[in-house]
Amino acid sequence: MSSFALMNRAVNPLVRAVLRSPLHGLLDRSIMLLTVKGRRSGRAFTFPAQYVRDGDAVWILVGRHQDKRWWRNLSGDGHVRVRVGGRDLEAVAHVADGRSEPALVGEGLRAFAARWPKVAERYAAPSQVVMVRVSPSSRS
């Protein structure tokens, strides 16, 4: 079983349960739940994601983006649901690819570097990075 499969089948359900419980404070300063709808199936997928806050926005660094599919469901500005701080919120997610939007990816990397310098160090070349910027929706 690959490390992704192990994470998805064993660890993610546990993290989801904690973030939905009264114990959410143990994790929600750095991990949130993100719900994305499949663009073909319309099915909702909820998974934990490490994030940083930057004003009203939340940044998610898509580590090993070439191996993941969820962010591809957010073409344009996709509507998502997040659970952060024990609250469910409607939001808009914008995918920023370092090749096409290096300035926006740089902004996200700076936010990550301020919170987790070691994580941001691994992604020093913005052209190789995919970031997701999640902003509050006017529907919230």
C-alpha atoms as a PDB file:
ATOM      1  CA  MET A   1       0.000   0.000   0.000  1.00  0.00           C
ATOM      2  CA  SER A   2       1.408   3.408  -0.967  1.00  0.00           C
ATOM      3  CA  SER A   3       1.895   6.161   1.605  1.00  0.00           C
ATOM      4  CA  PHE A   4      -0.969   8.128   0.000  1.00  0.00           C
ATOM      5  CA  ALA A   5      -3.308   5.161   0.287  1.00  0.00           C
ATOM      6  CA  LEU A   6      -2.302   4.617   3.910  1.00  0.00           C
ATOM      7  CA  MET A   7      -2.882   8.296   4.675  1.00  0.00           C
ATOM      8  CA  ASN A   8      -6.246   8.385   2.928  1.00  0.00           C
ATOM      9  CA  ARG A   9      -7.558   5.188   4.479  1.00  0.00           C
ATOM     10  CA  ALA A  10      -6.127   5.356   7.998  1.00  0.00           C
ATOM     11  CA  VAL A  11      -5.046   8.806   9.081  1.00  0.00           C
ATOM     12  CA  ASN A  12      -7.453  11.095   7.221  1.00  0.00           C
ATOM     13  CA  PRO A  13     -10.634   9.582   8.751  1.00  0.00           C
ATOM     14  CA  LEU A  14      -9.158  10.021  12.223  1.00  0.00           C
ATOM     15  CA  VAL A  15      -8.210  13.646  11.532  1.00  0.00           C
ATOM     16  CA  ARG A  16     -11.667  14.322  10.044  1.00  0.00           C
ATOM     17  CA  ALA A  17     -13.302  12.901  13.172  1.00  0.00           C
ATOM     18  CA  VAL A  18     -11.192  15.055  15.502  1.00  0.00           C
ATOM     19  CA  LEU A  19     -11.840  18.221  13.464  1.00  0.00           C
ATOM     20  CA  ARG A  20     -15.600  17.566  13.601  1.00  0.00           C
ATOM     21  CA  SER A  21     -15.568  16.897  17.351  1.00  0.00           C
ATOM     22  CA  PRO A  22     -15.371  19.179  20.388  1.00  0.00           C
ATOM     23  CA  LEU A  23     -11.631  18.338  20.375  1.00  0.00           C
ATOM     24  CA  HIS A  24     -11.103  20.236  17.098  1.00  0.00           C
ATOM     25  CA  GLY A  25      -8.872  22.747  18.908  1.00  0.00           C
ATOM     26  CA  LEU A  26      -6.106  20.142  19.027  1.00  0.00           C
ATOM     27  CA  LEU A  27      -5.627  20.411  15.268  1.00  0.00           C
ATOM     28  CA  ASP A  28      -7.485  23.307  13.730  1.00  0.00           C
ATOM     29  CA  ARG A  29      -4.782  25.940  14.163  1.00  0.00           C
ATOM     30  CA  SER A  30      -2.980  24.316  11.240  1.00  0.00           C
ATOM     31  CA  ILE A  31      -5.332  21.757   9.675  1.00  0.00           C
ATOM     32  CA  MET A  32      -8.773  22.333   8.218  1.00  0.00           C
ATOM     33  CA  LEU A  33     -11.313  20.234   6.395  1.00  0.00           C
ATOM     34  CA  LEU A  34     -11.841  21.076   2.753  1.00  0.00           C
ATOM     35  CA  THR A  35     -14.836  19.773   0.819  1.00  0.00           C
ATOM     36  CA  VAL A  36     -14.525  19.782  -2.957  1.00  0.00           C
ATOM     37  CA  LYS A  37     -17.067  18.527  -5.497  1.00  0.00           C
ATOM     38  CA  GLY A  38     -15.859  16.250  -8.257  1.00  0.00           C
ATOM     39  CA  ARG A  39     -16.243  18.069 -11.555  1.00  0.00           C
ATOM     40  CA  ARG A  40     -17.554  14.989 -13.378  1.00  0.00           C
ATOM     41  CA  SER A  41     -19.225  12.994 -10.620  1.00  0.00           C
ATOM     42  CA  GLY A  42     -20.565  15.900  -8.582  1.00  0.00           C
ATOM     43  CA  ARG A  43     -19.648  13.850  -5.514  1.00  0.00           C
ATOM     44  CA  ALA A  44     -18.340  15.697  -2.455  1.00  0.00           C
ATOM     45  CA  PHE A  45     -14.866  14.790  -1.187  1.00  0.00           C
ATOM     46  CA  THR A  46     -13.781  15.990   2.258  1.00  0.00           C
ATOM     47  CA  PHE A  47     -10.195  15.781   3.398  1.00  0.00           C
ATOM     48  CA  PRO A  48      -7.809  17.477   5.820  1.00  0.00           C
ATOM     49  CA  ALA A  49      -5.463  20.119   4.483  1.00  0.00           C
ATOM     50  CA  GLN A  50      -2.649  22.043   6.138  1.00  0.00           C
ATOM     51  CA  TYR A  51      -3.237  25.765   5.837  1.00  0.00           C
ATOM     52  CA  VAL A  52      -2.073  29.215   6.853  1.00  0.00           C
ATOM     53  CA  ARG A  53      -4.207  32.292   7.371  1.00  0.00           C
ATOM     54  CA  ASP A  54      -3.308  35.527   5.642  1.00  0.00           C
ATOM     55  CA  GLY A  55      -5.893  38.149   6.518  1.00  0.00           C
ATOM     56  CA  ASP A  56      -9.290  36.875   5.336  1.00  0.00           C
ATOM     57  CA  ALA A  57      -7.676  34.365   2.993  1.00  0.00           C
ATOM     58  CA  VAL A  58      -6.418  30.887   3.727  1.00  0.00           C
ATOM     59  CA  TRP A  59      -3.567  29.346   1.725  1.00  0.00           C
ATOM     60  CA  ILE A  60      -3.121  25.640   1.034  1.00  0.00           C
ATOM     61  CA  LEU A  61       0.165  24.410  -0.398  1.00  0.00           C
ATOM     62  CA  VAL A  62      -0.566  21.400  -2.609  1.00  0.00           C
ATOM     63  CA  GLY A  63       2.435  19.212  -1.822  1.00  0.00           C
ATOM     64  CA  ARG A  64       3.292  16.712  -4.559  1.00  0.00           C
ATOM     65  CA  HIS A  65       0.566  18.267  -6.685  1.00  0.00           C
ATOM     66  CA  GLN A  66       1.363  16.039  -9.643  1.00  0.00           C
ATOM     67  CA  ASP A  67       0.204  13.030  -7.567  1.00  0.00           C
ATOM     68  CA  LYS A  68      -3.057  14.595  -6.390  1.00  0.00           C
ATOM     69  CA  ARG A  69      -6.286  15.245  -8.229  1.00  0.00           C
ATOM     70  CA  TRP A  70      -8.535  17.193  -5.858  1.00  0.00           C
ATOM     71  CA  TRP A  71      -7.209  20.630  -6.800  1.00  0.00           C
ATOM     72  CA  ARG A  72      -7.997  20.001 -10.467  1.00  0.00           C
ATOM     73  CA  ASN A  73     -11.695  20.086  -9.542  1.00  0.00           C
ATOM     74  CA  LEU A  74     -11.324  23.794  -8.790  1.00  0.00           C
ATOM     75  CA  SER A  75     -11.047  25.159 -12.320  1.00  0.00           C
ATOM     76  CA  GLY A  76     -11.683  28.881 -12.327  1.00  0.00           C
ATOM     77  CA  ASP A  77     -12.809  29.960  -8.906  1.00  0.00           C
ATOM     78  CA  GLY A  78     -14.465  26.880  -7.429  1.00  0.00           C
ATOM     79  CA  HIS A  79     -16.935  26.915  -4.588  1.00  0.00           C
ATOM     80  CA  VAL A  80     -15.811  24.834  -1.630  1.00  0.00           C
ATOM     81  CA  ARG A  81     -16.849  24.223   1.937  1.00  0.00           C
ATOM     82  CA  VAL A  82     -14.299  24.493   4.717  1.00  0.00           C
ATOM     83  CA  ARG A  83     -14.376  23.597   8.372  1.00  0.00           C
ATOM     84  CA  VAL A  84     -11.962  25.738  10.285  1.00  0.00           C
ATOM     85  CA  GLY A  85     -12.057  26.785  13.917  1.00  0.00           C
ATOM     86  CA  GLY A  86     -14.976  24.437  14.532  1.00  0.00           C
ATOM     87  CA  ARG A  87     -17.147  26.283  11.991  1.00  0.00           C
ATOM     88  CA  ASP A  88     -18.374  25.293   8.538  1.00  0.00           C
ATOM     89  CA  LEU A  89     -18.076  28.057   5.947  1.00  0.00           C
ATOM     90  CA  GLU A  90     -18.796  28.490   2.255  1.00  0.00           C
ATOM     91  CA  ALA A  91     -15.761  29.754   0.365  1.00  0.00           C
ATOM     92  CA  VAL A  92     -14.270  30.324  -3.055  1.00  0.00           C
ATOM     93  CA  ALA A  93     -11.027  28.565  -3.943  1.00  0.00           C
ATOM     94  CA  HIS A  94      -8.628  29.820  -6.582  1.00  0.00           C
ATOM     95  CA  VAL A  95      -5.890  27.515  -7.849  1.00  0.00           C
ATOM     96  CA  ALA A  96      -2.626  29.317  -8.555  1.00  0.00           C
ATOM     97  CA  ASP A  97      -0.044  27.437 -10.593  1.00  0.00           C
ATOM     98  CA  GLY A  98       3.487  28.796 -10.284  1.00  0.00           C
ATOM     99  CA  ARG A  99       4.049  28.665 -14.031  1.00  0.00           C
ATOM    100  CA  SER A 100       1.075  30.863 -14.882  1.00  0.00           C
ATOM    101  CA  GLU A 101       0.709  32.947 -11.693  1.00  0.00           C
ATOM    102  CA  PRO A 102       4.159  33.198 -10.079  1.00  0.00           C
ATOM    103  CA  ALA A 103       3.339  36.404  -8.151  1.00  0.00           C
ATOM    104  CA  LEU A 104       0.264  34.871  -6.533  1.00  0.00           C
ATOM    105  CA  VAL A 105       2.140  31.665  -5.695  1.00  0.00           C
ATOM    106  CA  GLY A 106       4.930  33.788  -4.230  1.00  0.00           C
ATOM    107  CA  GLU A 107       2.375  35.495  -1.979  1.00  0.00           C
ATOM    108  CA  GLY A 108       1.180  32.115  -0.735  1.00  0.00           C
ATOM    109  CA  LEU A 109       4.723  30.845  -0.212  1.00  0.00           C
ATOM    110  CA  ARG A 110       5.561  33.938   1.854  1.00  0.00           C
ATOM    111  CA  ALA A 111       2.527  33.260   4.061  1.00  0.00           C
ATOM    112  CA  PHE A 112       3.661  29.641   4.483  1.00  0.00           C
ATOM    113  CA  ALA A 113       7.263  30.665   5.181  1.00  0.00           C
ATOM    114  CA  ALA A 114       6.112  32.973   7.973  1.00  0.00           C
ATOM    115  CA  ARG A 115       4.295  30.074   9.678  1.00  0.00           C
ATOM    116  CA  TRP A 116       6.355  27.041   8.596  1.00  0.00           C
ATOM    117  CA  PRO A 117       9.773  28.024   7.250  1.00  0.00           C
ATOM    118  CA  LYS A 118      10.910  24.415   6.736  1.00  0.00           C
ATOM    119  CA  VAL A 119       7.844  23.565   4.646  1.00  0.00           C
ATOM    120  CA  ALA A 120       8.276  26.623   2.448  1.00  0.00           C
ATOM    121  CA  GLU A 121      12.017  25.886   2.009  1.00  0.00           C
ATOM    122  CA  ARG A 122      11.165  22.683   0.155  1.00  0.00           C
ATOM    123  CA  TYR A 123       9.235  24.703  -2.415  1.00  0.00           C
ATOM    124  CA  ALA A 124      11.710  27.476  -3.174  1.00  0.00           C
ATOM    125  CA  ALA A 125      11.005  27.440  -6.932  1.00  0.00           C
ATOM    126  CA  PRO A 126       7.516  28.958  -7.400  1.00  0.00           C
ATOM    127  CA  SER A 127       7.286  27.541 -10.925  1.00  0.00           C
ATOM    128  CA  GLN A 128       7.064  24.045  -9.404  1.00  0.00           C
ATOM    129  CA  VAL A 129       4.308  24.926  -6.908  1.00  0.00           C
ATOM    130  CA  VAL A 130       0.521  24.816  -6.872  1.00  0.00           C
ATOM    131  CA  MET A 131      -1.222  26.866  -4.188  1.00  0.00           C
ATOM    132  CA  VAL A 132      -4.910  27.200  -3.429  1.00  0.00           C
ATOM    133  CA  ARG A 133      -6.191  30.481  -2.051  1.00  0.00           C
ATOM    134  CA  VAL A 134      -9.473  30.101  -0.190  1.00  0.00           C
ATOM    135  CA  SER A 135     -11.474  33.269   0.417  1.00  0.00           C
ATOM    136  CA  PRO A 136     -14.798  33.762   2.178  1.00  0.00           C
ATOM    137  CA  SER A 137     -17.787  33.484  -0.101  1.00  0.00           C
ATOM    138  CA  SER A 138     -20.450  36.153  -0.224  1.00  0.00           C
ATOM    139  CA  ARG A 139     -22.875  33.246   0.356  1.00  0.00           C
ATOM    140  CA  SER A 140     -21.491  32.562   3.885  1.00  0.00           C
END
